[in-house]
C-alpha atoms as a PDB file:
ATOM      1  CA  MET A   1      26.082   2.711  -0.732  1.00  0.00           C
ATOM      2  CA  LEU A   2      29.958   3.510  -2.281  1.00  0.00           C
ATOM      3  CA  LEU A   3      29.856   0.366  -3.823  1.00  0.00           C
ATOM      4  CA  PHE A   4      26.494   1.100  -5.898  1.00  0.00           C
ATOM      5  CA  PHE A   5      28.141   3.976  -7.240  1.00  0.00           C
ATOM      6  CA  TYR A   6      31.428   2.529  -7.900  1.00  0.00           C
ATOM      7  CA  THR A   7      29.590  -0.804 -10.115  1.00  0.00           C
ATOM      8  CA  VAL A   8      26.222  -0.202 -10.300  1.00  0.00           C
ATOM      9  CA  MET A   9      25.634   3.038 -10.877  1.00  0.00           C
ATOM     10  CA  HIS A  10      29.332   3.194 -13.589  1.00  0.00           C
ATOM     11  CA  GLY A  11      27.317  -0.594 -14.995  1.00  0.00           C
ATOM     12  CA  ILE A  12      24.251   1.779 -16.332  1.00  0.00           C
ATOM     13  CA  MET A  13      25.546   4.496 -17.702  1.00  0.00           C
ATOM     14  CA  MET A  14      28.232   2.619 -19.712  1.00  0.00           C
ATOM     15  CA  LEU A  15      24.911   1.406 -20.429  1.00  0.00           C
ATOM     16  CA  LEU A  16      23.150   3.972 -21.841  1.00  0.00           C
ATOM     17  CA  ALA A  17      26.716   4.996 -23.868  1.00  0.00           C
ATOM     18  CA  GLY A  18      26.077   2.469 -25.628  1.00  0.00           C
ATOM     19  CA  VAL A  19      22.451   3.225 -26.970  1.00  0.00           C
ATOM     20  CA  PRO A  20      23.443   5.574 -29.658  1.00  0.00           C
ATOM     21  CA  PHE A  21      24.871   2.793 -31.667  1.00  0.00           C
ATOM     22  CA  PHE A  22      22.124   1.341 -32.396  1.00  0.00           C
ATOM     23  CA  PHE A  23      21.047   4.778 -34.385  1.00  0.00           C
ATOM     24  CA  TYR A  24      23.679   5.148 -36.168  1.00  0.00           C
ATOM     25  CA  LYS A  25      23.398   4.147 -39.668  1.00  0.00           C
ATOM     26  CA  LEU A  26      26.690   3.967 -41.831  1.00  0.00           C
ATOM     27  CA  THR A  27      26.479   0.557 -43.740  1.00  0.00           C
ATOM     28  CA  GLY A  28      26.123  -0.012 -47.735  1.00  0.00           C
ATOM     29  CA  ALA A  29      25.411   3.160 -49.585  1.00  0.00           C
ATOM     30  CA  GLU A  30      25.389   5.297 -47.044  1.00  0.00           C
ATOM     31  CA  LYS A  31      29.213   4.033 -46.127  1.00  0.00           C
ATOM     32  CA  GLU A  32      30.884   4.085 -49.408  1.00  0.00           C
ATOM     33  CA  ARG A  33      29.051   7.336 -50.229  1.00  0.00           C
ATOM     34  CA  VAL A  34      30.668   9.399 -46.916  1.00  0.00           C
ATOM     35  CA  HIS A  35      33.973   7.526 -47.960  1.00  0.00           C
ATOM     36  CA  LYS A  36      33.932   8.259 -51.405  1.00  0.00           C
ATOM     37  CA  GLU A  37      33.352  12.020 -50.316  1.00  0.00           C
ATOM     38  CA  LEU A  38      36.272  11.804 -47.497  1.00  0.00           C
ATOM     39  CA  VAL A  39      38.531  10.710 -50.301  1.00  0.00           C
ATOM     40  CA  GLU A  40      37.488  13.225 -53.343  1.00  0.00           C
ATOM     41  CA  LYS A  41      37.913  16.339 -49.855  1.00  0.00           C
ATOM     42  CA  ARG A  42      41.264  14.871 -48.824  1.00  0.00           C
ATOM     43  CA  GLU A  43      42.753  14.351 -52.890  1.00  0.00           C
ATOM     44  CA  ALA A  44      41.841  18.595 -53.187  1.00  0.00           C
ATOM     45  CA  LEU A  45      43.342  19.309 -50.003  1.00  0.00           C
ATOM     46  CA  GLU A  46      46.415  18.047 -51.048  1.00  0.00           C
ATOM     47  CA  ALA A  47      46.367  19.084 -54.175  1.00  0.00           C
ATOM     48  CA  ALA A  48      46.219  22.860 -52.807  1.00  0.00           C
ATOM     49  CA  GLU A  49      48.926  21.918 -50.141  1.00  0.00           C
ATOM     50  CA  ARG A  50      51.451  20.500 -52.995  1.00  0.00           C
ATOM     51  CA  GLY A  51      50.325  24.357 -54.983  1.00  0.00           C
ATOM     52  CA  SER A  52      48.991  22.591 -58.248  1.00  0.00           C
ATOM     53  CA  GLU A  53      46.527  24.115 -60.432  1.00  0.00           C
ATOM     54  CA  VAL A  54      42.991  22.506 -59.024  1.00  0.00           C
ATOM     55  CA  GLU A  55      40.518  24.620 -57.642  1.00  0.00           C
ATOM     56  CA  ILE A  56      38.819  23.669 -55.171  1.00  0.00           C
ATOM     57  CA  ASP A  57      34.623  23.867 -55.282  1.00  0.00           C
ATOM     58  CA  THR A  58      34.125  25.005 -51.447  1.00  0.00           C
ATOM     59  CA  GLU A  59      30.366  25.921 -52.804  1.00  0.00           C
ATOM     60  CA  GLU A  60      29.984  21.781 -53.509  1.00  0.00           C
ATOM     61  CA  LEU A  61      31.975  20.302 -50.569  1.00  0.00           C
ATOM     62  CA  SER A  62      29.913  22.865 -47.729  1.00  0.00           C
ATOM     63  CA  GLN A  63      26.541  21.242 -49.805  1.00  0.00           C
ATOM     64  CA  SER A  64      27.775  17.843 -50.122  1.00  0.00           C
ATOM     65  CA  ALA A  65      28.400  17.971 -46.417  1.00  0.00           C
ATOM     66  CA  LYS A  66      24.775  19.425 -45.438  1.00  0.00           C
ATOM     67  CA  GLU A  67      22.984  16.594 -47.378  1.00  0.00           C
ATOM     68  CA  PRO A  68      21.522  13.708 -45.169  1.00  0.00           C
END
């Protein structure tokens, strides 16, 4: 019985943990869109840290995060 919990049960749980990867679609245009948004956010944060006169449009950033 102990062998079951250390081998078979662990294998079943590992397979179940992989199921969400089949439904996570981050390819093609979606991947490019997410990457572009991240680059824009990083640039805005870096500019803010440097103290430059760049305004960060927080409303636009929050709306883009809500978009599917």
